[in-house]
Amino acid sequence: MIYVDPIQVDMASGSFYDTEGADYYLSPAKLASDYSNVRFERELRLFRKFCPRGEVLDVGCGSGGFLFQLKKRWPADYRILGTDVSGGPLDYAESRGVTVLRENFLEQDFGARKFDAITFWAVIEHLHNPRQFIDKAWEVLNPHGCCFVLVPNMESLAVRLLGKNYRYILPQHVNYFTAATLNQLLTRRSGFQIIDSGSTHFNPLVIWQDWKSSGKLVSDQERAQLLTRTTRYKQNPVLKPINAVLRGMETGLCALNLADNLVMVLQKPS
């Protein structure tokens, strides 16, 4: 596990995401991507496999795109709730009908309420105390409930090819994982059982952009533009044959744990 030093201590308060990060997290491109039908297709497929119905809590829900798609596609199957510390994205989530809590997950009192699934989609890398979040998830999960975790993969093809030119070392990311270190974090002392693990997502545009802009920090504007391009390419029927080839490449990279993100599904025993 790789740590950033010094850690920006305001990550848990949400101030970063409402100030320096607002240009990205509240950009039209980011919000449009979050609510596009293709944005969470892999996460939704994985989620349905292990949690076909029940009470769902999305920790670090941001603008609410995942929960929105879950409720839109299977309205009778889920009761949804999101939690985050960033005010602007939560305002947007509520405007789209997503129920949210505006408080640090560790400080929330759910009383007797328990969940059948808790998701941490691209969240753990933002936390200086991820172990406490996993322990809290254990406390509020029902027996047989599942915890879904997705983080950037520091052994991905992109990282291996680009080396020091890999530019997605962001100020809001305070730790980075390999498959081994993520496994250790999620299972040591927690009692969770890993029921699925691997890697997911492959975006060749990241490799192209980082190679072309070697040495430059990736800007919020560039990240937003990448989302716009990626969504447009995925939805363009003319590019369907190319997208099919890329999906085949992604399948191979996933099998080798070389895709862009690591994903693990944990289950709380009875």
Protein backbone atom coordinates (compact mmCIF):
# COMPACT_ATOMS: atom_id res chain seq x y z
CA MET A 1 0.00 0.00 0.00
CA ILE A 2 1.36 3.42 -1.01
CA TYR A 3 0.62 6.46 1.14
CA VAL A 4 0.76 10.14 0.28
CA ASP A 5 2.78 12.21 2.75
CA PRO A 6 1.75 14.70 3.98
CA ILE A 7 -1.94 13.79 3.92
CA GLN A 8 -4.42 16.58 3.29
CA VAL A 9 -6.47 16.42 6.48
CA ASP A 10 -9.49 18.25 5.06
CA MET A 11 -10.51 15.28 2.88
CA ALA A 12 -12.98 13.95 5.47
CA SER A 13 -14.64 17.35 5.93
CA GLY A 14 -15.60 17.77 2.28
CA SER A 15 -14.04 21.22 2.01
CA PHE A 16 -11.67 20.14 -0.78
CA TYR A 17 -14.50 18.91 -2.98
CA ASP A 18 -16.52 22.09 -2.50
CA THR A 19 -13.57 24.44 -3.13
CA GLU A 20 -10.51 23.30 -5.11
CA GLY A 21 -12.28 20.21 -6.48
CA ALA A 22 -15.54 21.91 -7.43
CA ASP A 23 -14.39 22.73 -10.96
CA TYR A 24 -14.23 19.00 -11.64
CA TYR A 25 -16.83 17.38 -9.37
CA LEU A 26 -19.51 19.91 -10.31
CA SER A 27 -18.51 20.36 -13.95
CA PRO A 28 -21.24 19.74 -16.55
CA ALA A 29 -19.03 17.03 -18.07
CA LYS A 30 -18.66 15.17 -14.76
CA LEU A 31 -22.35 15.36 -13.90
CA ALA A 32 -23.38 14.30 -17.40
CA SER A 33 -20.98 11.35 -17.20
CA ASP A 34 -22.25 10.33 -13.75
CA TYR A 35 -25.81 10.13 -15.07
CA SER A 36 -25.11 8.57 -18.48
CA ASN A 37 -26.36 5.03 -19.02
CA VAL A 38 -22.84 3.74 -19.67
CA ARG A 39 -21.08 5.24 -16.64
CA PHE A 40 -21.76 2.49 -14.08
CA GLU A 41 -22.50 -0.44 -16.39
CA ARG A 42 -19.76 -2.68 -14.94
CA GLU A 43 -20.53 -1.76 -11.34
CA LEU A 44 -24.25 -2.38 -11.86
CA ARG A 45 -23.64 -5.77 -13.46
CA LEU A 46 -21.41 -6.85 -10.58
CA PHE A 47 -23.78 -5.45 -7.99
CA ARG A 48 -26.83 -7.26 -9.41
CA LYS A 49 -24.95 -10.54 -9.34
CA PHE A 50 -24.39 -10.43 -5.59
CA CYS A 51 -27.24 -8.22 -4.37
CA PRO A 52 -30.41 -8.72 -6.44
CA ARG A 53 -32.53 -6.75 -3.95
CA GLY A 54 -32.46 -5.06 -0.56
CA GLU A 55 -31.32 -2.00 1.40
CA VAL A 56 -28.36 -0.26 -0.25
CA LEU A 57 -25.97 2.34 1.17
CA ASP A 58 -23.54 4.08 -1.21
CA VAL A 59 -20.70 5.62 0.82
CA GLY A 60 -19.09 8.55 -0.98
CA CYS A 61 -22.05 8.70 -3.35
CA GLY A 62 -21.07 12.09 -4.80
CA SER A 63 -23.69 13.28 -7.25
CA GLY A 64 -25.67 10.04 -6.87
CA GLY A 65 -25.25 8.54 -10.33
CA PHE A 66 -24.89 4.91 -9.24
CA LEU A 67 -27.93 4.99 -6.96
CA PHE A 68 -29.95 6.81 -9.61
CA GLN A 69 -29.25 4.07 -12.17
CA LEU A 70 -29.97 1.33 -9.64
CA LYS A 71 -33.37 2.77 -8.78
CA LYS A 72 -34.17 3.68 -12.38
CA ARG A 73 -33.54 0.17 -13.70
CA TRP A 74 -34.90 -1.92 -10.80
CA PRO A 75 -37.26 0.36 -8.83
CA ALA A 76 -39.03 -2.47 -7.02
CA ASP A 77 -35.86 -4.23 -5.88
CA TYR A 78 -33.96 -1.63 -3.86
CA ARG A 79 -34.26 0.97 -1.14
CA ILE A 80 -31.38 3.36 -1.70
CA LEU A 81 -29.44 5.80 0.48
CA GLY A 82 -26.29 7.76 -0.23
CA THR A 83 -23.85 9.45 2.12
CA ASP A 84 -21.07 11.94 1.47
CA VAL A 85 -19.38 15.04 2.86
CA SER A 86 -19.32 17.16 -0.30
CA GLY A 87 -22.21 19.62 -0.36
CA GLY A 88 -22.41 20.55 -4.05
CA PRO A 89 -22.61 17.03 -5.48
CA LEU A 90 -25.16 16.07 -2.80
CA ASP A 91 -27.33 19.02 -3.81
CA TYR A 92 -27.29 17.65 -7.34
CA ALA A 93 -28.08 14.11 -6.13
CA GLU A 94 -31.13 15.37 -4.26
CA SER A 95 -32.26 17.31 -7.32
CA ARG A 96 -32.32 13.97 -9.18
CA GLY A 97 -34.38 12.26 -6.49
CA VAL A 98 -31.59 10.44 -4.64
CA THR A 99 -31.94 10.31 -0.84
CA VAL A 100 -28.71 11.34 0.88
CA LEU A 101 -27.16 11.93 4.30
CA ARG A 102 -24.77 14.88 4.70
CA GLU A 103 -22.33 13.57 7.25
CA ASN A 104 -19.12 11.59 7.57
CA PHE A 105 -20.00 7.89 7.43
CA LEU A 106 -18.05 7.22 10.64
CA GLU A 107 -20.16 9.74 12.56
CA GLN A 108 -23.56 8.52 11.40
CA ASP A 109 -25.88 6.71 13.79
CA PHE A 110 -28.11 4.33 11.85
CA GLY A 111 -29.77 2.98 14.99
CA ALA A 112 -31.25 -0.44 14.33
CA ARG A 113 -31.16 0.04 10.57
CA LYS A 114 -29.02 -2.46 8.68
CA PHE A 115 -28.08 -2.76 5.01
CA ASP A 116 -27.87 -5.63 2.56
CA ALA A 117 -25.14 -3.93 0.54
CA ILE A 118 -22.65 -1.11 1.07
CA THR A 119 -20.64 0.30 -1.81
CA PHE A 120 -17.34 2.18 -1.87
CA TRP A 121 -16.97 3.04 -5.55
CA ALA A 122 -13.64 4.93 -5.95
CA VAL A 123 -13.75 6.06 -2.31
CA ILE A 124 -11.17 4.14 -0.26
CA GLU A 125 -8.26 5.89 -1.99
CA HIS A 126 -9.57 9.22 -0.64
CA LEU A 127 -9.47 8.14 3.01
CA HIS A 128 -6.61 8.50 5.47
CA ASN A 129 -8.32 5.94 7.75
CA PRO A 130 -9.85 3.34 5.39
CA ARG A 131 -9.74 0.56 8.00
CA GLN A 132 -12.25 2.43 10.18
CA PHE A 133 -14.65 2.73 7.24
CA ILE A 134 -14.47 -1.01 6.55
CA ASP A 135 -15.08 -1.75 10.23
CA LYS A 136 -18.09 0.58 10.23
CA ALA A 137 -19.46 -1.16 7.14
CA TRP A 138 -19.23 -4.47 8.99
CA GLU A 139 -21.25 -3.02 11.88
CA VAL A 140 -24.17 -1.83 9.75
CA LEU A 141 -24.38 -4.76 7.32
CA ASN A 142 -26.91 -7.54 7.70
CA PRO A 143 -25.59 -11.12 7.93
CA HIS A 144 -24.80 -12.28 4.37
CA GLY A 145 -24.65 -8.60 3.36
CA CYS A 146 -22.06 -7.55 0.79
CA CYS A 147 -19.50 -4.75 0.69
CA PHE A 148 -18.29 -3.61 -2.75
CA VAL A 149 -14.94 -1.82 -3.09
CA LEU A 150 -13.35 -0.28 -6.19
CA VAL A 151 -10.00 1.57 -6.25
CA PRO A 152 -7.38 2.53 -8.87
CA ASN A 153 -5.01 -0.32 -9.71
CA MET A 154 -1.34 0.57 -9.20
CA GLU A 155 -0.33 -2.52 -11.18
CA SER A 156 -2.51 -1.73 -14.20
CA LEU A 157 -1.29 -1.80 -17.79
CA ALA A 158 -1.45 2.00 -17.86
CA VAL A 159 0.78 2.34 -14.78
CA ARG A 160 3.24 -0.25 -16.10
CA LEU A 161 3.49 1.35 -19.55
CA LEU A 162 3.66 4.95 -18.39
CA GLY A 163 5.80 4.53 -15.28
CA LYS A 164 6.73 7.93 -13.86
CA ASN A 165 4.65 9.55 -16.62
CA TYR A 166 1.42 8.16 -15.12
CA ARG A 167 -0.32 11.39 -14.15
CA TYR A 168 -3.33 10.27 -12.13
CA ILE A 169 -1.60 10.88 -8.80
CA LEU A 170 -4.22 13.32 -7.55
CA PRO A 171 -4.23 15.54 -4.43
CA GLN A 172 -7.48 13.99 -3.20
CA HIS A 173 -6.03 10.45 -3.40
CA VAL A 174 -4.11 9.73 -0.20
CA ASN A 175 -3.34 6.04 -0.69
CA TYR A 176 -2.86 3.65 -3.61
CA PHE A 177 -3.31 -0.11 -3.82
CA THR A 178 -2.12 -3.27 -5.47
CA ALA A 179 -4.28 -6.39 -5.36
CA ALA A 180 -2.21 -7.73 -2.45
CA THR A 181 -2.38 -4.59 -0.32
CA LEU A 182 -6.11 -4.13 -0.96
CA ASN A 183 -6.73 -7.74 0.06
CA GLN A 184 -4.76 -7.19 3.26
CA LEU A 185 -6.64 -4.00 4.13
CA LEU A 186 -10.09 -5.46 3.55
CA THR A 187 -9.69 -8.81 5.28
CA ARG A 188 -7.26 -8.32 8.16
CA ARG A 189 -9.23 -8.27 11.43
CA SER A 190 -12.53 -7.53 9.69
CA GLY A 191 -14.09 -11.00 9.46
CA PHE A 192 -15.22 -10.38 5.88
CA GLN A 193 -14.96 -13.15 3.33
CA ILE A 194 -13.85 -12.27 -0.21
CA ILE A 195 -16.41 -13.73 -2.61
CA ASP A 196 -15.20 -12.00 -5.78
CA SER A 197 -12.10 -10.04 -6.78
CA GLY A 198 -10.32 -8.86 -9.88
CA SER A 199 -9.80 -5.79 -12.02
CA THR A 200 -12.15 -3.81 -14.23
CA HIS A 201 -12.31 -0.92 -16.73
CA PHE A 202 -9.82 -0.13 -19.47
CA ASN A 203 -9.62 3.31 -21.02
CA PRO A 204 -6.87 3.60 -23.68
CA LEU A 205 -7.47 7.35 -23.81
CA VAL A 206 -5.76 7.64 -20.40
CA ILE A 207 -2.60 6.05 -21.80
CA TRP A 208 -2.70 8.30 -24.88
CA GLN A 209 -3.26 11.50 -22.89
CA ASP A 210 -0.58 10.74 -20.31
CA TRP A 211 1.96 9.80 -22.97
CA LYS A 212 1.20 12.93 -24.98
CA SER A 213 1.36 15.22 -21.93
CA SER A 214 4.31 13.59 -20.19
CA GLY A 215 5.49 15.49 -17.12
CA LYS A 216 2.44 17.71 -16.79
CA LEU A 217 -0.01 17.36 -13.93
CA VAL A 218 -3.46 16.30 -15.08
CA SER A 219 -5.82 19.26 -14.74
CA ASP A 220 -9.47 19.21 -13.68
CA GLN A 221 -10.38 20.48 -17.14
CA GLU A 222 -8.52 17.62 -18.79
CA ARG A 223 -10.17 15.05 -16.51
CA ALA A 224 -13.59 16.46 -17.39
CA GLN A 225 -12.76 16.39 -21.10
CA LEU A 226 -11.68 12.77 -20.79
CA LEU A 227 -15.08 11.87 -19.32
CA THR A 228 -16.85 13.64 -22.17
CA ARG A 229 -14.79 11.88 -24.84
CA THR A 230 -15.12 8.47 -23.21
CA THR A 231 -18.90 8.73 -22.89
CA ARG A 232 -19.25 10.00 -26.45
CA TYR A 233 -17.12 7.20 -27.89
CA LYS A 234 -19.00 4.50 -25.98
CA GLN A 235 -22.36 5.77 -27.21
CA ASN A 236 -21.34 6.35 -30.85
CA PRO A 237 -22.85 3.57 -33.03
CA VAL A 238 -20.22 4.18 -35.73
CA LEU A 239 -17.52 3.12 -33.26
CA LYS A 240 -19.32 -0.08 -32.27
CA PRO A 241 -16.72 -2.40 -33.92
CA ILE A 242 -13.85 -0.56 -32.22
CA ASN A 243 -15.64 -0.67 -28.88
CA ALA A 244 -16.11 -4.41 -29.31
CA VAL A 245 -12.35 -4.82 -29.80
CA LEU A 246 -11.67 -2.69 -26.72
CA ARG A 247 -14.09 -4.80 -24.67
CA GLY A 248 -12.17 -7.88 -25.75
CA MET A 249 -8.91 -6.25 -24.68
CA GLU A 250 -10.50 -5.30 -21.37
CA THR A 251 -11.60 -8.89 -20.79
CA GLY A 252 -8.02 -10.05 -21.26
CA LEU A 253 -6.61 -7.35 -18.98
CA CYS A 254 -9.19 -8.17 -16.31
CA ALA A 255 -8.13 -11.81 -16.39
CA LEU A 256 -4.53 -10.71 -15.77
CA ASN A 257 -5.48 -8.12 -13.11
CA LEU A 258 -4.08 -5.37 -15.37
CA ALA A 259 -7.24 -3.31 -15.89
CA ASP A 260 -7.46 0.26 -14.59
CA ASN A 261 -9.29 -0.47 -11.32
CA LEU A 262 -9.28 -3.18 -8.68
CA VAL A 263 -12.61 -4.45 -7.40
CA MET A 264 -13.47 -6.72 -4.48
CA VAL A 265 -16.75 -8.02 -3.13
CA LEU A 266 -16.80 -8.92 0.56
CA GLN A 267 -19.52 -10.78 2.43
CA LYS A 268 -20.36 -10.73 6.11
CA PRO A 269 -20.93 -14.30 7.33
CA SER A 270 -24.10 -15.24 9.17
